[in-house]
Amino acid sequence: MTIVPGDPQRNALPYLAMRDIVEQTQHAVPGKLEITREGIVHDASAPGGPHELTAARVSRRLEKVMPEGLLAHTGTPDVEDVHEGVMRHPDVMVIAEADMEVEGSFDPGTLLAAIEVVSRSNPDNDWVGKMRDYPLLGIPVYVLFDPRTGEGAVLSDIHPTPNGPRYATRTDFVYGEDVTIGEWTISTENLPRYT
């Protein structure tokens, strides 16, 4: 294959090389590997009980208030935009069942929301990296639950900035309050904290 300057495939080559590395090594390393424009991100520790329980409770609570045909999905695959050079794996993805009927990664443009339970080992990945990447991918709502502090934030309203798209609106919450994610409101009562 010949790639000429300005060819969109030329920009995708470093990303595709990183994706090959991730696919070849993911099973051999603990934790999770993701790709950003800056390179491969490794969240070294596998999620523990409080992390997984938070994701499960948030998913279950959302699915109780969402209409039929939408899921608060906690499994695989990743969301990926080859042209932006980003592959991420939200802890919970609000997505239509019909948009899951694809081979390979989900199109991030089909997500209604991405929800992260902040990692104990690499909180900047959630609070900085994904806060930058999710609006770049066009995900309209990004929600963080932080078991380290018992607090969180809902980010929405993507707008252009000189540094790329960013969320314009941030609504903070503390565990125990109700939180609105997109069109749906759920309780944050009894979400676990890291010890």
N, C-alpha and C. Protein backbone atom coordinates (compact mmCIF):
# COMPACT_ATOMS: atom_id res chain seq x y z
N MET A 1 0.84 -1.16 0.00
CA MET A 1 0.00 0.00 0.00
C MET A 1 0.89 1.23 0.00
N THR A 2 0.58 2.17 -0.85
CA THR A 2 1.31 3.43 -0.92
C THR A 2 0.51 4.50 -0.19
N ILE A 3 1.18 5.23 0.68
CA ILE A 3 0.53 6.29 1.43
C ILE A 3 1.22 7.59 1.07
N VAL A 4 0.44 8.55 0.63
CA VAL A 4 0.98 9.84 0.21
C VAL A 4 0.72 10.87 1.31
N PRO A 5 1.53 11.95 1.36
CA PRO A 5 1.28 13.00 2.35
C PRO A 5 -0.15 13.53 2.23
N GLY A 6 -0.77 13.77 3.38
CA GLY A 6 -2.14 14.25 3.40
C GLY A 6 -3.17 13.15 3.32
N ASP A 7 -2.74 11.92 3.07
CA ASP A 7 -3.65 10.78 3.01
C ASP A 7 -4.14 10.47 4.43
N PRO A 8 -5.48 10.35 4.65
CA PRO A 8 -5.98 10.06 5.99
C PRO A 8 -5.41 8.78 6.57
N GLN A 9 -5.06 7.81 5.72
CA GLN A 9 -4.50 6.56 6.22
C GLN A 9 -3.12 6.79 6.84
N ARG A 10 -2.39 7.79 6.36
CA ARG A 10 -1.07 8.07 6.92
C ARG A 10 -1.19 8.43 8.40
N ASN A 11 -2.19 9.26 8.75
CA ASN A 11 -2.39 9.63 10.14
C ASN A 11 -2.84 8.46 10.99
N ALA A 12 -3.48 7.47 10.37
CA ALA A 12 -3.99 6.32 11.11
C ALA A 12 -2.91 5.28 11.39
N LEU A 13 -1.79 5.33 10.67
CA LEU A 13 -0.77 4.29 10.83
C LEU A 13 -0.22 4.17 12.24
N PRO A 14 0.20 5.25 12.92
CA PRO A 14 0.69 5.08 14.30
C PRO A 14 -0.39 4.52 15.21
N TYR A 15 -1.62 4.96 15.03
CA TYR A 15 -2.71 4.45 15.84
C TYR A 15 -2.90 2.95 15.60
N LEU A 16 -2.91 2.53 14.34
CA LEU A 16 -3.11 1.12 14.04
C LEU A 16 -1.98 0.26 14.60
N ALA A 17 -0.77 0.80 14.61
CA ALA A 17 0.36 0.07 15.22
C ALA A 17 0.14 -0.07 16.72
N MET A 18 -0.32 1.00 17.38
CA MET A 18 -0.59 0.92 18.82
C MET A 18 -1.73 -0.06 19.10
N ARG A 19 -2.75 -0.05 18.25
CA ARG A 19 -3.87 -0.97 18.45
C ARG A 19 -3.39 -2.41 18.34
N ASP A 20 -2.49 -2.70 17.39
CA ASP A 20 -1.93 -4.05 17.28
C ASP A 20 -1.19 -4.45 18.56
N ILE A 21 -0.42 -3.51 19.12
CA ILE A 21 0.30 -3.78 20.36
C ILE A 21 -0.68 -4.08 21.49
N VAL A 22 -1.73 -3.27 21.60
CA VAL A 22 -2.74 -3.49 22.65
C VAL A 22 -3.39 -4.86 22.48
N GLU A 23 -3.79 -5.20 21.26
CA GLU A 23 -4.45 -6.48 21.02
C GLU A 23 -3.53 -7.66 21.34
N GLN A 24 -2.24 -7.52 21.08
CA GLN A 24 -1.30 -8.61 21.32
C GLN A 24 -0.92 -8.76 22.79
N THR A 25 -0.99 -7.66 23.57
CA THR A 25 -0.50 -7.71 24.94
C THR A 25 -1.58 -7.63 26.01
N GLN A 26 -2.81 -7.22 25.66
CA GLN A 26 -3.85 -7.01 26.66
C GLN A 26 -4.03 -8.22 27.58
N HIS A 27 -4.05 -9.41 27.00
CA HIS A 27 -4.28 -10.61 27.81
C HIS A 27 -3.12 -10.93 28.75
N ALA A 28 -1.95 -10.37 28.50
CA ALA A 28 -0.76 -10.72 29.28
C ALA A 28 -0.44 -9.71 30.38
N VAL A 29 -1.18 -8.60 30.43
CA VAL A 29 -0.89 -7.58 31.44
C VAL A 29 -2.12 -7.38 32.32
N PRO A 30 -1.89 -7.08 33.60
CA PRO A 30 -3.05 -6.80 34.46
C PRO A 30 -3.64 -5.44 34.12
N GLY A 31 -4.92 -5.29 34.41
CA GLY A 31 -5.55 -3.99 34.18
C GLY A 31 -6.04 -3.84 32.76
N LYS A 32 -6.09 -2.59 32.32
CA LYS A 32 -6.73 -2.25 31.06
C LYS A 32 -5.80 -1.36 30.24
N LEU A 33 -5.74 -1.62 28.94
CA LEU A 33 -4.97 -0.79 28.01
C LEU A 33 -5.93 -0.02 27.12
N GLU A 34 -5.68 1.27 26.96
CA GLU A 34 -6.46 2.13 26.09
C GLU A 34 -5.50 2.96 25.25
N ILE A 35 -6.02 3.61 24.20
CA ILE A 35 -5.16 4.41 23.32
C ILE A 35 -5.70 5.84 23.26
N THR A 36 -4.79 6.80 23.42
CA THR A 36 -5.12 8.21 23.25
C THR A 36 -4.18 8.78 22.20
N ARG A 37 -4.35 10.04 21.88
CA ARG A 37 -3.43 10.68 20.94
C ARG A 37 -2.01 10.73 21.50
N GLU A 38 -1.88 10.67 22.81
CA GLU A 38 -0.56 10.72 23.44
C GLU A 38 0.12 9.35 23.50
N GLY A 39 -0.64 8.28 23.26
CA GLY A 39 -0.05 6.95 23.29
C GLY A 39 -0.94 5.97 24.03
N ILE A 40 -0.33 4.88 24.47
CA ILE A 40 -1.07 3.82 25.17
C ILE A 40 -1.14 4.18 26.65
N VAL A 41 -2.34 4.05 27.21
CA VAL A 41 -2.57 4.29 28.63
C VAL A 41 -2.78 2.94 29.29
N HIS A 42 -2.06 2.71 30.39
CA HIS A 42 -2.19 1.45 31.13
C HIS A 42 -2.69 1.75 32.53
N ASP A 43 -3.91 1.28 32.83
CA ASP A 43 -4.43 1.33 34.19
C ASP A 43 -4.00 0.01 34.81
N ALA A 44 -2.94 0.07 35.61
CA ALA A 44 -2.20 -1.12 36.01
C ALA A 44 -2.97 -2.13 36.84
N SER A 45 -3.85 -1.67 37.70
CA SER A 45 -4.51 -2.66 38.56
C SER A 45 -5.86 -3.04 37.99
N ALA A 46 -6.21 -4.30 38.15
CA ALA A 46 -7.52 -4.75 37.73
C ALA A 46 -8.54 -4.13 38.69
N PRO A 47 -9.70 -3.71 38.17
CA PRO A 47 -10.70 -3.10 39.04
C PRO A 47 -11.10 -4.03 40.17
N GLY A 48 -11.20 -3.48 41.37
CA GLY A 48 -11.58 -4.27 42.54
C GLY A 48 -13.06 -4.16 42.83
N GLY A 49 -13.45 -4.71 43.97
CA GLY A 49 -14.85 -4.77 44.36
C GLY A 49 -15.59 -3.45 44.34
N PRO A 50 -15.11 -2.39 45.03
CA PRO A 50 -15.86 -1.13 45.01
C PRO A 50 -16.04 -0.55 43.61
N HIS A 51 -15.03 -0.68 42.79
CA HIS A 51 -15.11 -0.18 41.41
C HIS A 51 -16.19 -0.93 40.64
N GLU A 52 -16.13 -2.25 40.67
CA GLU A 52 -17.06 -3.07 39.91
C GLU A 52 -18.48 -2.95 40.47
N LEU A 53 -18.62 -2.88 41.80
CA LEU A 53 -19.94 -2.75 42.40
C LEU A 53 -20.57 -1.42 42.05
N THR A 54 -19.78 -0.36 42.02
CA THR A 54 -20.30 0.95 41.61
C THR A 54 -20.82 0.88 40.18
N ALA A 55 -20.03 0.34 39.27
CA ALA A 55 -20.46 0.23 37.87
C ALA A 55 -21.74 -0.59 37.76
N ALA A 56 -21.83 -1.70 38.49
CA ALA A 56 -23.02 -2.55 38.42
C ALA A 56 -24.25 -1.84 38.97
N ARG A 57 -24.10 -1.15 40.11
CA ARG A 57 -25.26 -0.46 40.70
C ARG A 57 -25.72 0.70 39.82
N VAL A 58 -24.78 1.46 39.27
CA VAL A 58 -25.15 2.57 38.39
C VAL A 58 -25.86 2.02 37.15
N SER A 59 -25.33 0.96 36.56
CA SER A 59 -25.94 0.34 35.39
C SER A 59 -27.36 -0.13 35.70
N ARG A 60 -27.51 -0.85 36.78
CA ARG A 60 -28.83 -1.38 37.14
C ARG A 60 -29.83 -0.25 37.39
N ARG A 61 -29.40 0.80 38.11
CA ARG A 61 -30.30 1.92 38.41
C ARG A 61 -30.71 2.65 37.15
N LEU A 62 -29.77 2.83 36.23
CA LEU A 62 -30.12 3.49 34.96
C LEU A 62 -31.11 2.66 34.16
N GLU A 63 -30.88 1.36 34.08
CA GLU A 63 -31.75 0.52 33.26
C GLU A 63 -33.18 0.48 33.80
N LYS A 64 -33.35 0.73 35.09
CA LYS A 64 -34.70 0.77 35.67
C LYS A 64 -35.49 1.99 35.21
N VAL A 65 -34.80 3.08 34.84
CA VAL A 65 -35.51 4.32 34.47
C VAL A 65 -35.43 4.63 32.97
N MET A 66 -34.62 3.90 32.22
CA MET A 66 -34.50 4.15 30.78
C MET A 66 -35.57 3.38 30.02
N PRO A 67 -35.94 3.85 28.83
CA PRO A 67 -36.93 3.13 28.04
C PRO A 67 -36.36 1.83 27.46
N GLU A 68 -37.27 0.96 27.08
CA GLU A 68 -36.91 -0.29 26.41
C GLU A 68 -36.06 0.03 25.18
N GLY A 69 -35.07 -0.77 24.92
CA GLY A 69 -34.22 -0.56 23.74
C GLY A 69 -32.92 0.16 24.05
N LEU A 70 -32.79 0.71 25.27
CA LEU A 70 -31.53 1.32 25.70
C LEU A 70 -30.92 0.46 26.79
N LEU A 71 -29.59 0.40 26.79
CA LEU A 71 -28.87 -0.35 27.82
C LEU A 71 -27.84 0.53 28.49
N ALA A 72 -27.55 0.22 29.74
CA ALA A 72 -26.40 0.77 30.44
C ALA A 72 -25.40 -0.37 30.50
N HIS A 73 -24.63 -0.50 29.44
CA HIS A 73 -23.80 -1.67 29.16
C HIS A 73 -22.47 -1.60 29.90
N THR A 74 -22.08 -2.68 30.58
CA THR A 74 -20.82 -2.71 31.32
C THR A 74 -19.79 -3.66 30.74
N GLY A 75 -20.01 -4.19 29.57
CA GLY A 75 -19.08 -5.17 29.01
C GLY A 75 -18.18 -4.60 27.94
N THR A 76 -17.77 -5.48 27.05
CA THR A 76 -16.94 -5.11 25.93
C THR A 76 -17.86 -4.94 24.72
N PRO A 77 -17.42 -4.38 23.63
CA PRO A 77 -16.08 -3.97 23.26
C PRO A 77 -15.79 -2.52 23.65
N ASP A 78 -14.67 -2.02 23.12
CA ASP A 78 -14.28 -0.64 23.33
C ASP A 78 -15.10 0.27 22.42
N VAL A 79 -14.91 1.59 22.62
CA VAL A 79 -15.36 2.58 21.64
C VAL A 79 -14.11 3.09 20.96
N GLU A 80 -14.20 3.29 19.65
CA GLU A 80 -12.98 3.58 18.89
C GLU A 80 -13.27 4.53 17.74
N ASP A 81 -12.36 5.49 17.57
CA ASP A 81 -12.37 6.36 16.41
C ASP A 81 -10.96 6.34 15.83
N VAL A 82 -10.78 5.58 14.77
CA VAL A 82 -9.46 5.40 14.17
C VAL A 82 -8.90 6.73 13.69
N HIS A 83 -9.73 7.58 13.10
CA HIS A 83 -9.23 8.85 12.54
C HIS A 83 -8.77 9.82 13.63
N GLU A 84 -9.40 9.75 14.80
CA GLU A 84 -8.94 10.59 15.92
C GLU A 84 -7.81 9.92 16.68
N GLY A 85 -7.60 8.61 16.45
CA GLY A 85 -6.53 7.89 17.13
C GLY A 85 -6.84 7.62 18.59
N VAL A 86 -8.10 7.28 18.88
CA VAL A 86 -8.53 7.08 20.26
C VAL A 86 -9.34 5.79 20.36
N MET A 87 -8.98 4.96 21.36
CA MET A 87 -9.75 3.77 21.71
C MET A 87 -9.88 3.78 23.23
N ARG A 88 -11.11 3.85 23.71
CA ARG A 88 -11.39 3.91 25.14
C ARG A 88 -12.38 2.83 25.52
N HIS A 89 -12.41 2.51 26.81
CA HIS A 89 -13.35 1.51 27.30
C HIS A 89 -14.08 2.06 28.53
N PRO A 90 -15.23 2.73 28.31
CA PRO A 90 -15.98 3.24 29.46
C PRO A 90 -16.45 2.10 30.37
N ASP A 91 -16.54 2.40 31.67
CA ASP A 91 -17.03 1.39 32.61
C ASP A 91 -18.50 1.07 32.35
N VAL A 92 -19.28 2.09 32.00
CA VAL A 92 -20.69 1.93 31.64
C VAL A 92 -20.94 2.78 30.40
N MET A 93 -21.61 2.19 29.41
CA MET A 93 -21.96 2.90 28.18
C MET A 93 -23.47 2.91 28.03
N VAL A 94 -24.08 4.08 27.92
CA VAL A 94 -25.51 4.17 27.63
C VAL A 94 -25.63 4.17 26.11
N ILE A 95 -26.27 3.13 25.59
CA ILE A 95 -26.30 2.90 24.15
C ILE A 95 -27.57 2.15 23.77
N ALA A 96 -28.06 2.40 22.58
CA ALA A 96 -29.22 1.66 22.07
C ALA A 96 -28.78 0.25 21.70
N GLU A 97 -29.66 -0.71 21.98
CA GLU A 97 -29.36 -2.10 21.62
C GLU A 97 -29.03 -2.21 20.13
N ALA A 98 -29.75 -1.50 19.28
CA ALA A 98 -29.53 -1.57 17.83
C ALA A 98 -28.12 -1.13 17.46
N ASP A 99 -27.55 -0.18 18.21
CA ASP A 99 -26.20 0.29 17.92
C ASP A 99 -25.12 -0.67 18.39
N MET A 100 -25.52 -1.70 19.12
CA MET A 100 -24.57 -2.72 19.57
C MET A 100 -24.45 -3.87 18.57
N GLU A 101 -25.30 -3.88 17.57
CA GLU A 101 -25.32 -4.97 16.59
C GLU A 101 -24.27 -4.74 15.51
N VAL A 102 -23.02 -4.61 15.93
CA VAL A 102 -21.90 -4.37 15.02
C VAL A 102 -20.77 -5.33 15.38
N GLU A 103 -19.91 -5.57 14.42
CA GLU A 103 -18.69 -6.33 14.67
C GLU A 103 -17.61 -5.36 15.10
N GLY A 104 -16.80 -5.74 16.05
CA GLY A 104 -15.70 -4.88 16.48
C GLY A 104 -16.16 -3.82 17.45
N SER A 105 -15.40 -2.75 17.52
CA SER A 105 -15.65 -1.68 18.49
C SER A 105 -16.92 -0.92 18.17
N PHE A 106 -17.51 -0.34 19.23
CA PHE A 106 -18.68 0.52 19.05
C PHE A 106 -18.24 1.86 18.48
N ASP A 107 -19.12 2.46 17.69
CA ASP A 107 -18.93 3.83 17.20
C ASP A 107 -19.21 4.76 18.36
N PRO A 108 -18.23 5.58 18.80
CA PRO A 108 -18.48 6.45 19.96
C PRO A 108 -19.62 7.43 19.73
N GLY A 109 -19.91 7.75 18.47
CA GLY A 109 -21.00 8.66 18.16
C GLY A 109 -22.37 8.09 18.48
N THR A 110 -22.45 6.79 18.75
CA THR A 110 -23.74 6.18 19.09
C THR A 110 -23.99 6.17 20.60
N LEU A 111 -22.99 6.48 21.40
CA LEU A 111 -23.18 6.50 22.84
C LEU A 111 -23.98 7.72 23.26
N LEU A 112 -24.92 7.52 24.17
CA LEU A 112 -25.67 8.63 24.75
C LEU A 112 -24.94 9.17 25.96
N ALA A 113 -24.14 8.31 26.61
CA ALA A 113 -23.34 8.73 27.76
C ALA A 113 -22.24 7.71 27.99
N ALA A 114 -21.12 8.20 28.52
CA ALA A 114 -20.03 7.35 29.00
C ALA A 114 -19.89 7.61 30.49
N ILE A 115 -19.80 6.54 31.25
CA ILE A 115 -19.71 6.66 32.71
C ILE A 115 -18.45 5.95 33.17
N GLU A 116 -17.67 6.64 33.99
CA GLU A 116 -16.44 6.06 34.54
C GLU A 116 -16.50 6.05 36.06
N VAL A 117 -16.02 4.95 36.62
CA VAL A 117 -15.75 4.86 38.04
C VAL A 117 -14.26 5.13 38.16
N VAL A 118 -13.91 6.20 38.84
CA VAL A 118 -12.53 6.65 38.86
C VAL A 118 -11.63 5.57 39.45
N SER A 119 -10.57 5.30 38.74
CA SER A 119 -9.59 4.29 39.14
C SER A 119 -8.77 4.77 40.33
N ARG A 120 -8.53 3.87 41.25
CA ARG A 120 -7.67 4.20 42.38
C ARG A 120 -6.22 4.36 41.93
N SER A 121 -5.80 3.56 40.95
CA SER A 121 -4.38 3.55 40.55
C SER A 121 -4.03 4.64 39.55
N ASN A 122 -5.01 5.15 38.78
CA ASN A 122 -4.71 6.14 37.75
C ASN A 122 -5.88 7.11 37.59
N PRO A 123 -6.19 7.92 38.62
CA PRO A 123 -7.36 8.80 38.52
C PRO A 123 -7.26 9.85 37.42
N ASP A 124 -6.04 10.27 37.06
CA ASP A 124 -5.90 11.27 36.00
C ASP A 124 -6.40 10.74 34.65
N ASN A 125 -6.37 9.44 34.45
CA ASN A 125 -6.89 8.88 33.21
C ASN A 125 -8.37 9.23 33.06
N ASP A 126 -9.11 9.19 34.17
CA ASP A 126 -10.54 9.50 34.13
C ASP A 126 -10.80 11.00 34.20
N TRP A 127 -10.13 11.70 35.12
CA TRP A 127 -10.39 13.12 35.36
C TRP A 127 -9.74 14.04 34.34
N VAL A 128 -8.70 13.59 33.65
CA VAL A 128 -8.01 14.45 32.68
C VAL A 128 -8.11 13.86 31.27
N GLY A 129 -7.58 12.67 31.08
CA GLY A 129 -7.52 12.07 29.75
C GLY A 129 -8.88 11.84 29.11
N LYS A 130 -9.78 11.21 29.85
CA LYS A 130 -11.10 10.93 29.28
C LYS A 130 -11.95 12.18 29.20
N MET A 131 -11.70 13.14 30.09
CA MET A 131 -12.42 14.41 30.01
C MET A 131 -12.03 15.15 28.71
N ARG A 132 -10.84 14.88 28.21
CA ARG A 132 -10.39 15.44 26.93
C ARG A 132 -10.89 14.59 25.76
N ASP A 133 -10.81 13.25 25.90
CA ASP A 133 -11.10 12.38 24.77
C ASP A 133 -12.59 12.20 24.48
N TYR A 134 -13.43 12.14 25.50
CA TYR A 134 -14.85 11.86 25.24
C TYR A 134 -15.54 12.97 24.44
N PRO A 135 -15.30 14.26 24.70
CA PRO A 135 -15.92 15.24 23.80
C PRO A 135 -15.32 15.18 22.39
N LEU A 136 -14.04 14.85 22.27
CA LEU A 136 -13.40 14.68 20.97
C LEU A 136 -14.11 13.58 20.18
N LEU A 137 -14.55 12.54 20.88
CA LEU A 137 -15.25 11.43 20.24
C LEU A 137 -16.73 11.73 20.02
N GLY A 138 -17.22 12.86 20.53
CA GLY A 138 -18.61 13.24 20.33
C GLY A 138 -19.58 12.61 21.31
N ILE A 139 -19.09 12.09 22.42
CA ILE A 139 -19.96 11.49 23.44
C ILE A 139 -20.60 12.64 24.22
N PRO A 140 -21.93 12.80 24.15
CA PRO A 140 -22.56 14.02 24.65
C PRO A 140 -22.56 14.19 26.17
N VAL A 141 -22.51 13.11 26.92
CA VAL A 141 -22.53 13.19 28.38
C VAL A 141 -21.44 12.28 28.94
N TYR A 142 -20.64 12.83 29.84
CA TYR A 142 -19.59 12.06 30.52
C TYR A 142 -19.81 12.21 32.02
N VAL A 143 -19.90 11.07 32.73
CA VAL A 143 -20.17 11.08 34.17
C VAL A 143 -19.05 10.35 34.89
N LEU A 144 -18.57 10.96 35.97
CA LEU A 144 -17.53 10.34 36.80
C LEU A 144 -18.09 10.08 38.19
N PHE A 145 -17.88 8.87 38.68
CA PHE A 145 -18.15 8.50 40.06
C PHE A 145 -16.79 8.23 40.69
N ASP A 146 -16.47 8.92 41.78
CA ASP A 146 -15.13 8.81 42.37
C ASP A 146 -15.21 8.19 43.77
N PRO A 147 -14.98 6.87 43.88
CA PRO A 147 -15.03 6.20 45.18
C PRO A 147 -13.93 6.64 46.14
N ARG A 148 -12.93 7.37 45.67
CA ARG A 148 -11.89 7.88 46.57
C ARG A 148 -12.46 8.97 47.46
N THR A 149 -13.35 9.79 46.91
CA THR A 149 -13.86 10.98 47.62
C THR A 149 -15.35 10.92 47.92
N GLY A 150 -16.09 10.00 47.28
CA GLY A 150 -17.54 9.97 47.43
C GLY A 150 -18.20 11.12 46.70
N GLU A 151 -17.60 11.56 45.62
CA GLU A 151 -18.12 12.67 44.82
C GLU A 151 -18.07 12.29 43.35
N GLY A 152 -18.66 13.14 42.52
CA GLY A 152 -18.62 12.91 41.10
C GLY A 152 -19.01 14.15 40.33
N ALA A 153 -19.09 13.99 39.01
CA ALA A 153 -19.44 15.12 38.15
C ALA A 153 -20.12 14.60 36.88
N VAL A 154 -21.04 15.41 36.38
CA VAL A 154 -21.69 15.16 35.10
C VAL A 154 -21.24 16.27 34.17
N LEU A 155 -20.65 15.89 33.03
CA LEU A 155 -20.17 16.87 32.05
C LEU A 155 -21.00 16.73 30.78
N SER A 156 -21.36 17.88 30.19
CA SER A 156 -22.19 17.85 28.98
C SER A 156 -21.98 19.13 28.17
N ASP A 157 -22.73 19.25 27.10
CA ASP A 157 -22.71 20.43 26.23
C ASP A 157 -21.33 20.65 25.60
N ILE A 158 -21.01 19.81 24.64
CA ILE A 158 -19.73 19.92 23.93
C ILE A 158 -19.70 21.21 23.14
N HIS A 159 -18.58 21.92 23.23
CA HIS A 159 -18.40 23.15 22.47
C HIS A 159 -16.95 23.22 21.99
N PRO A 160 -16.71 23.95 20.89
CA PRO A 160 -15.34 24.05 20.38
C PRO A 160 -14.49 24.99 21.23
N THR A 161 -13.21 24.65 21.37
CA THR A 161 -12.24 25.53 22.03
C THR A 161 -10.97 25.50 21.18
N PRO A 162 -10.03 26.39 21.43
CA PRO A 162 -8.77 26.34 20.68
C PRO A 162 -8.01 25.02 20.87
N ASN A 163 -8.26 24.32 21.97
CA ASN A 163 -7.59 23.04 22.24
C ASN A 163 -8.44 21.84 21.86
N GLY A 164 -9.48 22.08 21.07
CA GLY A 164 -10.35 20.99 20.66
C GLY A 164 -11.66 21.03 21.43
N PRO A 165 -12.60 20.14 21.08
CA PRO A 165 -13.89 20.15 21.75
C PRO A 165 -13.75 19.85 23.25
N ARG A 166 -14.58 20.53 24.04
CA ARG A 166 -14.59 20.33 25.49
C ARG A 166 -16.03 20.39 25.97
N TYR A 167 -16.26 19.86 27.18
CA TYR A 167 -17.57 19.98 27.80
C TYR A 167 -17.70 21.36 28.42
N ALA A 168 -18.83 22.04 28.16
CA ALA A 168 -19.06 23.39 28.67
C ALA A 168 -19.74 23.39 30.02
N THR A 169 -20.49 22.34 30.33
CA THR A 169 -21.28 22.31 31.57
C THR A 169 -20.80 21.19 32.47
N ARG A 170 -20.59 21.55 33.74
CA ARG A 170 -20.18 20.56 34.74
C ARG A 170 -21.09 20.72 35.96
N THR A 171 -21.70 19.60 36.36
CA THR A 171 -22.55 19.57 37.54
C THR A 171 -21.95 18.57 38.52
N ASP A 172 -21.46 19.06 39.64
CA ASP A 172 -20.87 18.20 40.66
C ASP A 172 -21.94 17.62 41.57
N PHE A 173 -21.67 16.45 42.13
CA PHE A 173 -22.58 15.83 43.09
C PHE A 173 -21.77 15.10 44.15
N VAL A 174 -22.41 14.83 45.27
CA VAL A 174 -21.80 14.00 46.31
C VAL A 174 -22.65 12.75 46.47
N TYR A 175 -22.01 11.66 46.85
CA TYR A 175 -22.74 10.41 47.06
C TYR A 175 -23.85 10.65 48.07
N GLY A 176 -25.01 10.10 47.76
CA GLY A 176 -26.20 10.30 48.57
C GLY A 176 -27.22 11.18 47.86
N GLU A 177 -26.75 12.04 46.94
CA GLU A 177 -27.65 12.89 46.16
C GLU A 177 -28.13 12.14 44.93
N ASP A 178 -29.24 12.59 44.37
CA ASP A 178 -29.67 12.10 43.07
C ASP A 178 -28.80 12.77 42.01
N VAL A 179 -28.56 12.05 40.91
CA VAL A 179 -27.77 12.59 39.81
C VAL A 179 -28.53 12.37 38.51
N THR A 180 -28.52 13.38 37.65
CA THR A 180 -29.18 13.27 36.36
C THR A 180 -28.15 13.03 35.28
N ILE A 181 -28.35 11.93 34.56
CA ILE A 181 -27.46 11.51 33.48
C ILE A 181 -28.29 11.53 32.21
N GLY A 182 -28.02 12.51 31.35
CA GLY A 182 -28.85 12.68 30.17
C GLY A 182 -30.26 13.04 30.59
N GLU A 183 -31.22 12.16 30.26
CA GLU A 183 -32.63 12.40 30.59
C GLU A 183 -33.08 11.64 31.83
N TRP A 184 -32.16 10.93 32.49
CA TRP A 184 -32.56 10.01 33.54
C TRP A 184 -31.90 10.36 34.86
N THR A 185 -32.68 10.28 35.94
CA THR A 185 -32.18 10.61 37.27
C THR A 185 -32.14 9.33 38.11
N ILE A 186 -30.99 9.11 38.76
CA ILE A 186 -30.83 7.95 39.63
C ILE A 186 -30.27 8.39 40.98
N SER A 187 -30.40 7.52 41.95
CA SER A 187 -29.86 7.75 43.28
C SER A 187 -28.38 7.35 43.32
N THR A 188 -27.61 8.05 44.15
CA THR A 188 -26.23 7.64 44.40
C THR A 188 -26.09 7.09 45.82
N GLU A 189 -27.22 6.76 46.45
CA GLU A 189 -27.17 6.16 47.78
C GLU A 189 -26.46 4.81 47.74
N ASN A 190 -25.74 4.50 48.80
CA ASN A 190 -25.12 3.19 49.00
C ASN A 190 -24.12 2.80 47.91
N LEU A 191 -23.46 3.77 47.31
CA LEU A 191 -22.35 3.43 46.41
C LEU A 191 -21.11 3.25 47.26
N PRO A 192 -20.32 2.22 47.00
CA PRO A 192 -19.17 1.93 47.85
C PRO A 192 -18.04 2.93 47.66
N ARG A 193 -17.22 3.03 48.67
CA ARG A 193 -16.03 3.88 48.66
C ARG A 193 -14.80 2.99 48.76
N TYR A 194 -13.67 3.47 48.22
CA TYR A 194 -12.40 2.79 48.44
C TYR A 194 -12.00 2.97 49.90
N THR A 195 -11.35 1.95 50.46
CA THR A 195 -10.90 2.08 51.86
C THR A 195 -9.46 2.55 51.87
